[in-house]
Amino acid sequence: MRECPLPEAAGCSLAARTLAACVAAILEVRVDDVPCTVARDPFAPVTWWLATRSLGLVPVADAESFQWGGWWIARLAGADGRPAEPFVVMAGLPSGLAWAPAGTGAPPAAPVREGWVLAPPQLAAHAPDGRTAGVVEGLFRAVASAGPMESLARVALIAGVGVEGDRYAAGRGRFSASGRSGQELTLIEAEAIEALEKQHGIELDAADARRNVVTRGVDLNALVGRGFEVGEVACYGQRLAEPCSWLQAMTPAGTLRGLVHRGGLRADILAGGVVVLGDRVAPG
């Protein structure tokens, strides 16, 4: 862990600033790299930022008795016994206060009221299954976030923008945010859609998965953190495209559970071009 100052973020609460400082200290990155928010919920931008690094903040059930061999983030009891506003870093077996951002006045002996562990969503590393190259089996885009997906035979992928004509390329996606990585292109395996029906009894049309590219024959999870090519287009796998409550609301019950860790890949487009059905998909 590397201590750091509180970020100078005008309008942000002490909660948002101390959370950013604790995350930066644990990950040993510049505190200004971790986003703050002026909104009431200090977690909103941080959880998105962590997702781009294949990390999440996992709440612990009984924070006061929790023990962890590494660093974790907590809120201590305030004067009224409820969680105080500042976040702090804990560690040890049993755990104690390891670091509090300067000037926050965290009492070292106060009971812990809330706690979170920084952890990868997949506790075990993905084991590549040997499917190193495949093909494009489907191409889709939607003009609006809740609009129907249009099936295409060919489409232009624009570097730094996205799929031509798609809602995310125009900044109209449900989760669109300026500067957020992994918004330009989404892919999903045809095999994952087929497994959803075989293992969970849920028949899902490829378009209803709401991903831009449906592939066959390539292990998309193995492309996280790697460059790859879709036809003539150079891409970079940012993180898994995990299913969300929005997708669940638009599909049969059980879809979210059935696609956890199999929802595909979120990628950025490094060099654009035209993609057609049947194009090769493989590491670059």
Protein backbone atom coordinates (compact mmCIF):
# COMPACT_ATOMS: atom_id res chain seq x y z
CA MET A 1 0.00 0.00 0.00
CA ARG A 2 1.19 3.52 -0.78
CA GLU A 3 -0.19 6.44 1.19
CA CYS A 4 -1.56 9.35 -0.83
CA PRO A 5 -3.25 12.72 -0.25
CA LEU A 6 -6.97 13.32 -0.60
CA PRO A 7 -7.90 14.26 -4.15
CA GLU A 8 -8.65 17.91 -4.79
CA ALA A 9 -12.13 17.43 -6.20
CA ALA A 10 -14.39 20.47 -6.00
CA GLY A 11 -17.91 19.68 -4.87
CA CYS A 12 -17.14 16.08 -3.91
CA SER A 13 -18.04 14.83 -0.45
CA LEU A 14 -15.54 13.66 2.13
CA ALA A 15 -16.89 10.14 1.54
CA ALA A 16 -16.14 10.26 -2.19
CA ARG A 17 -12.68 11.77 -1.67
CA THR A 18 -11.62 9.30 1.04
CA LEU A 19 -12.94 6.33 -0.95
CA ALA A 20 -10.87 7.44 -3.95
CA ALA A 21 -7.81 7.86 -1.71
CA CYS A 22 -8.21 4.39 -0.14
CA VAL A 23 -8.60 2.70 -3.53
CA ALA A 24 -5.57 4.59 -4.89
CA ALA A 25 -3.48 3.68 -1.85
CA ILE A 26 -4.29 -0.03 -2.06
CA LEU A 27 -3.73 -0.24 -5.81
CA GLU A 28 -0.72 2.11 -5.62
CA VAL A 29 -1.93 4.37 -8.40
CA ARG A 30 -2.16 8.16 -8.59
CA VAL A 31 -5.07 9.40 -6.52
CA ASP A 32 -6.18 11.64 -9.39
CA ASP A 33 -6.63 8.52 -11.55
CA VAL A 34 -9.49 7.29 -9.35
CA PRO A 35 -12.77 9.11 -10.10
CA CYS A 36 -14.75 11.09 -7.55
CA THR A 37 -18.39 12.06 -7.81
CA VAL A 38 -20.46 15.00 -6.65
CA ALA A 39 -23.46 12.66 -6.47
CA ARG A 40 -24.74 11.29 -3.19
CA ASP A 41 -23.48 7.76 -3.88
CA PRO A 42 -19.65 7.76 -3.69
CA PHE A 43 -19.42 4.27 -5.24
CA ALA A 44 -20.95 4.98 -8.65
CA PRO A 45 -17.87 6.10 -10.64
CA VAL A 46 -15.41 4.01 -8.62
CA THR A 47 -17.12 0.70 -9.35
CA TRP A 48 -17.11 1.44 -13.09
CA TRP A 49 -13.43 2.42 -12.92
CA LEU A 50 -12.57 -0.76 -11.03
CA ALA A 51 -14.48 -2.86 -13.57
CA THR A 52 -12.08 -1.69 -16.29
CA ARG A 53 -9.35 -3.31 -14.19
CA SER A 54 -11.34 -6.52 -13.62
CA LEU A 55 -11.91 -5.60 -9.96
CA GLY A 56 -14.91 -4.98 -7.76
CA LEU A 57 -15.74 -3.79 -4.23
CA VAL A 58 -17.27 -6.73 -2.39
CA PRO A 59 -19.15 -5.86 0.84
CA VAL A 60 -18.47 -8.03 3.88
CA ALA A 61 -21.36 -9.37 5.95
CA ASP A 62 -20.02 -8.76 9.48
CA ALA A 63 -17.50 -5.95 9.18
CA GLU A 64 -16.77 -5.64 12.90
CA SER A 65 -15.48 -9.22 13.19
CA PHE A 66 -14.13 -9.53 9.64
CA GLN A 67 -10.51 -10.61 9.23
CA TRP A 68 -8.52 -10.40 6.03
CA GLY A 69 -4.86 -11.06 5.35
CA GLY A 70 -4.64 -8.16 2.91
CA TRP A 71 -5.86 -4.59 2.61
CA TRP A 72 -9.56 -3.83 2.79
CA ILE A 73 -11.71 -0.70 3.02
CA ALA A 74 -14.00 0.20 5.91
CA ARG A 75 -16.06 2.83 7.63
CA LEU A 76 -15.65 3.14 11.38
CA ALA A 77 -18.31 4.08 13.91
CA GLY A 78 -18.91 7.80 14.34
CA ALA A 79 -19.89 9.62 17.53
CA ASP A 80 -23.50 8.45 17.19
CA GLY A 81 -22.47 4.84 16.59
CA ARG A 82 -23.48 4.87 12.94
CA PRO A 83 -20.91 4.65 10.09
CA ALA A 84 -18.81 7.78 9.90
CA GLU A 85 -18.44 9.49 6.52
CA PRO A 86 -14.71 8.84 5.83
CA PHE A 87 -13.41 5.56 4.42
CA VAL A 88 -10.22 4.01 5.86
CA VAL A 89 -7.90 1.10 5.03
CA MET A 90 -7.85 -1.97 7.30
CA ALA A 91 -5.57 -5.04 7.39
CA GLY A 92 -4.39 -7.89 9.59
CA LEU A 93 -5.54 -11.02 11.41
CA PRO A 94 -7.38 -9.80 13.44
CA SER A 95 -7.79 -6.62 11.42
CA GLY A 96 -7.07 -3.11 12.61
CA LEU A 97 -6.84 0.36 11.18
CA ALA A 98 -3.89 0.44 8.78
CA TRP A 99 -4.29 3.91 7.29
CA ALA A 100 -6.68 6.82 7.35
CA PRO A 101 -6.42 9.63 4.79
CA ALA A 102 -4.82 12.67 6.42
CA GLY A 103 -7.15 15.12 8.08
CA THR A 104 -10.17 12.84 8.35
CA GLY A 105 -9.84 12.28 12.10
CA ALA A 106 -10.66 8.58 12.05
CA PRO A 107 -10.45 7.18 15.61
CA PRO A 108 -8.18 4.11 15.52
CA ALA A 109 -10.07 2.23 18.24
CA ALA A 110 -13.59 2.80 16.89
CA PRO A 111 -15.62 -0.30 15.93
CA VAL A 112 -15.93 -1.12 12.25
CA ARG A 113 -19.42 -0.58 10.87
CA GLU A 114 -19.03 -1.34 7.14
CA GLY A 115 -16.37 -3.06 5.07
CA TRP A 116 -15.44 -3.91 1.46
CA VAL A 117 -12.77 -6.06 -0.13
CA LEU A 118 -11.15 -5.19 -3.45
CA ALA A 119 -11.32 -8.43 -5.41
CA PRO A 120 -11.59 -9.71 -8.99
CA PRO A 121 -15.12 -10.84 -9.98
CA GLN A 122 -13.63 -14.21 -10.94
CA LEU A 123 -11.78 -15.56 -7.92
CA ALA A 124 -10.01 -18.11 -10.12
CA ALA A 125 -8.18 -17.04 -13.24
CA HIS A 126 -9.78 -18.02 -16.51
CA ALA A 127 -8.22 -21.12 -18.00
CA PRO A 128 -8.06 -20.77 -21.81
CA ASP A 129 -9.84 -23.68 -23.45
CA GLY A 130 -7.73 -23.83 -26.60
CA ARG A 131 -10.20 -22.10 -28.91
CA THR A 132 -7.79 -19.46 -30.21
CA ALA A 133 -9.48 -18.43 -33.46
CA GLY A 134 -13.06 -18.19 -34.67
CA VAL A 135 -15.39 -16.37 -37.02
CA VAL A 136 -18.03 -13.66 -36.97
CA GLU A 137 -21.44 -15.33 -36.98
CA GLY A 138 -23.62 -12.29 -36.30
CA LEU A 139 -23.45 -8.48 -36.47
CA PHE A 140 -25.90 -6.22 -34.63
CA ARG A 141 -26.50 -2.62 -33.62
CA ALA A 142 -29.29 -0.61 -31.99
CA VAL A 143 -30.00 3.07 -32.56
CA ALA A 144 -31.47 3.55 -29.07
CA SER A 145 -30.68 1.91 -25.74
CA ALA A 146 -34.03 0.11 -25.53
CA GLY A 147 -34.53 -0.16 -29.27
CA PRO A 148 -34.51 -3.35 -31.34
CA MET A 149 -31.19 -4.79 -32.49
CA GLU A 150 -30.67 -4.57 -36.26
CA SER A 151 -29.04 -7.60 -37.89
CA LEU A 152 -26.33 -6.70 -40.42
CA ALA A 153 -24.24 -8.43 -43.07
CA ARG A 154 -21.46 -5.84 -42.79
CA VAL A 155 -20.73 -2.82 -40.63
CA ALA A 156 -18.01 -0.21 -40.11
CA LEU A 157 -16.15 -0.15 -36.79
CA ILE A 158 -14.73 3.29 -36.04
CA ALA A 159 -11.59 3.59 -33.90
CA GLY A 160 -12.24 5.42 -30.64
CA VAL A 161 -15.97 5.66 -31.41
CA GLY A 162 -17.67 2.30 -31.89
CA VAL A 163 -20.03 0.54 -34.28
CA GLU A 164 -21.29 2.95 -36.93
CA GLY A 165 -24.94 3.75 -36.21
CA ASP A 166 -24.98 2.10 -32.79
CA ARG A 167 -26.32 3.85 -29.68
CA TYR A 168 -22.96 3.68 -27.90
CA ALA A 169 -21.10 5.22 -30.83
CA ALA A 170 -23.53 8.13 -30.57
CA GLY A 171 -23.24 8.35 -26.76
CA ARG A 172 -26.86 7.26 -26.29
CA GLY A 173 -26.26 3.88 -24.64
CA ARG A 174 -27.88 3.21 -21.30
CA PHE A 175 -24.45 3.16 -19.63
CA SER A 176 -22.70 5.66 -21.91
CA ALA A 177 -20.13 7.82 -20.16
CA SER A 178 -17.46 10.04 -21.64
CA GLY A 179 -13.97 8.54 -21.50
CA ARG A 180 -15.11 5.15 -20.22
CA SER A 181 -13.24 2.26 -21.83
CA GLY A 182 -14.93 -0.87 -23.16
CA GLN A 183 -17.97 0.91 -24.60
CA GLU A 184 -17.04 0.80 -28.27
CA LEU A 185 -17.64 -2.87 -29.07
CA THR A 186 -19.28 -5.86 -27.40
CA LEU A 187 -18.94 -9.48 -28.42
CA ILE A 188 -20.51 -12.74 -27.24
CA GLU A 189 -19.92 -16.38 -28.13
CA ALA A 190 -22.64 -18.28 -30.00
CA GLU A 191 -21.62 -21.20 -27.78
CA ALA A 192 -22.64 -19.21 -24.67
CA ILE A 193 -26.09 -18.54 -26.09
CA GLU A 194 -26.47 -22.22 -26.95
CA ALA A 195 -25.31 -23.26 -23.46
CA LEU A 196 -27.95 -20.95 -21.97
CA GLU A 197 -30.63 -23.05 -23.63
CA LYS A 198 -28.96 -26.41 -23.00
CA GLN A 199 -28.12 -25.82 -19.32
CA HIS A 200 -30.89 -23.44 -18.23
CA GLY A 201 -33.69 -24.03 -20.70
CA ILE A 202 -33.64 -20.41 -21.89
CA GLU A 203 -33.90 -19.91 -25.64
CA LEU A 204 -32.36 -16.57 -26.52
CA ASP A 205 -32.10 -15.15 -30.01
CA ALA A 206 -28.61 -13.86 -30.83
CA ALA A 207 -29.98 -10.33 -31.26
CA ASP A 208 -31.57 -10.45 -27.80
CA ALA A 209 -28.14 -10.82 -26.20
CA ARG A 210 -27.69 -7.15 -27.25
CA ARG A 211 -24.04 -7.55 -28.23
CA ASN A 212 -22.59 -6.14 -31.45
CA VAL A 213 -20.69 -9.24 -32.60
CA VAL A 214 -21.59 -12.91 -32.18
CA THR A 215 -18.57 -15.17 -32.60
CA ARG A 216 -18.06 -18.90 -32.96
CA GLY A 217 -14.93 -20.89 -32.23
CA VAL A 218 -12.92 -18.39 -30.17
CA ASP A 219 -12.52 -18.12 -26.38
CA LEU A 220 -13.53 -14.48 -25.78
CA ASN A 221 -12.75 -14.55 -22.04
CA ALA A 222 -9.12 -15.27 -22.91
CA LEU A 223 -8.95 -11.97 -24.82
CA VAL A 224 -9.34 -9.78 -21.73
CA GLY A 225 -6.24 -7.59 -21.54
CA ARG A 226 -5.12 -8.63 -25.03
CA GLY A 227 -5.15 -7.22 -28.53
CA PHE A 228 -7.18 -9.11 -31.12
CA GLU A 229 -8.51 -8.70 -34.62
CA VAL A 230 -12.01 -8.91 -36.06
CA GLY A 231 -11.40 -9.15 -39.78
CA GLU A 232 -9.25 -6.13 -40.62
CA VAL A 233 -10.15 -4.28 -37.41
CA ALA A 234 -7.70 -4.13 -34.49
CA CYS A 235 -9.30 -4.25 -31.05
CA TYR A 236 -8.33 -4.53 -27.37
CA GLY A 237 -10.26 -6.61 -24.84
CA GLN A 238 -10.95 -4.42 -21.82
CA ARG A 239 -13.14 -6.58 -19.58
CA LEU A 240 -15.90 -9.17 -19.51
CA ALA A 241 -19.32 -7.99 -20.69
CA GLU A 242 -21.10 -9.33 -17.64
CA PRO A 243 -24.91 -9.47 -17.85
CA CYS A 244 -26.79 -6.76 -15.97
CA SER A 245 -30.24 -6.11 -14.51
CA TRP A 246 -31.12 -4.11 -17.65
CA LEU A 247 -30.48 -7.15 -19.86
CA GLN A 248 -32.42 -9.32 -17.44
CA ALA A 249 -35.41 -6.97 -17.66
CA MET A 250 -35.49 -7.43 -21.45
CA THR A 251 -35.01 -11.23 -21.53
CA PRO A 252 -36.51 -14.36 -19.91
CA ALA A 253 -36.00 -14.89 -16.18
CA GLY A 254 -32.73 -16.63 -15.46
CA THR A 255 -30.79 -15.06 -18.32
CA LEU A 256 -28.60 -12.99 -16.02
CA ARG A 257 -27.61 -15.99 -13.91
CA GLY A 258 -27.00 -18.15 -16.97
CA LEU A 259 -24.65 -15.62 -18.58
CA VAL A 260 -22.50 -14.71 -15.57
CA HIS A 261 -18.85 -14.88 -16.76
CA ARG A 262 -20.22 -15.93 -20.18
CA GLY A 263 -21.79 -12.65 -21.25
CA GLY A 264 -18.98 -11.87 -23.66
CA LEU A 265 -16.31 -9.22 -24.01
CA ARG A 266 -16.17 -5.41 -23.92
CA ALA A 267 -13.52 -4.00 -26.20
CA ASP A 268 -12.07 -0.81 -27.61
CA ILE A 269 -11.41 -0.32 -31.31
CA LEU A 270 -7.78 0.58 -31.99
CA ALA A 271 -7.83 0.68 -35.80
CA GLY A 272 -11.12 0.80 -37.66
CA GLY A 273 -12.43 -0.85 -40.79
CA VAL A 274 -15.33 -2.86 -42.18
CA VAL A 275 -16.36 -6.20 -40.67
CA VAL A 276 -18.48 -8.75 -42.56
CA LEU A 277 -20.07 -12.04 -41.60
CA GLY A 278 -17.53 -14.85 -41.70
CA ASP A 279 -14.54 -12.63 -40.84
CA ARG A 280 -11.84 -14.22 -38.68
CA VAL A 281 -11.61 -13.38 -34.95
CA ALA A 282 -8.25 -14.12 -33.31
CA PRO A 283 -5.55 -12.60 -31.10
CA GLY A 284 -3.60 -9.88 -32.91
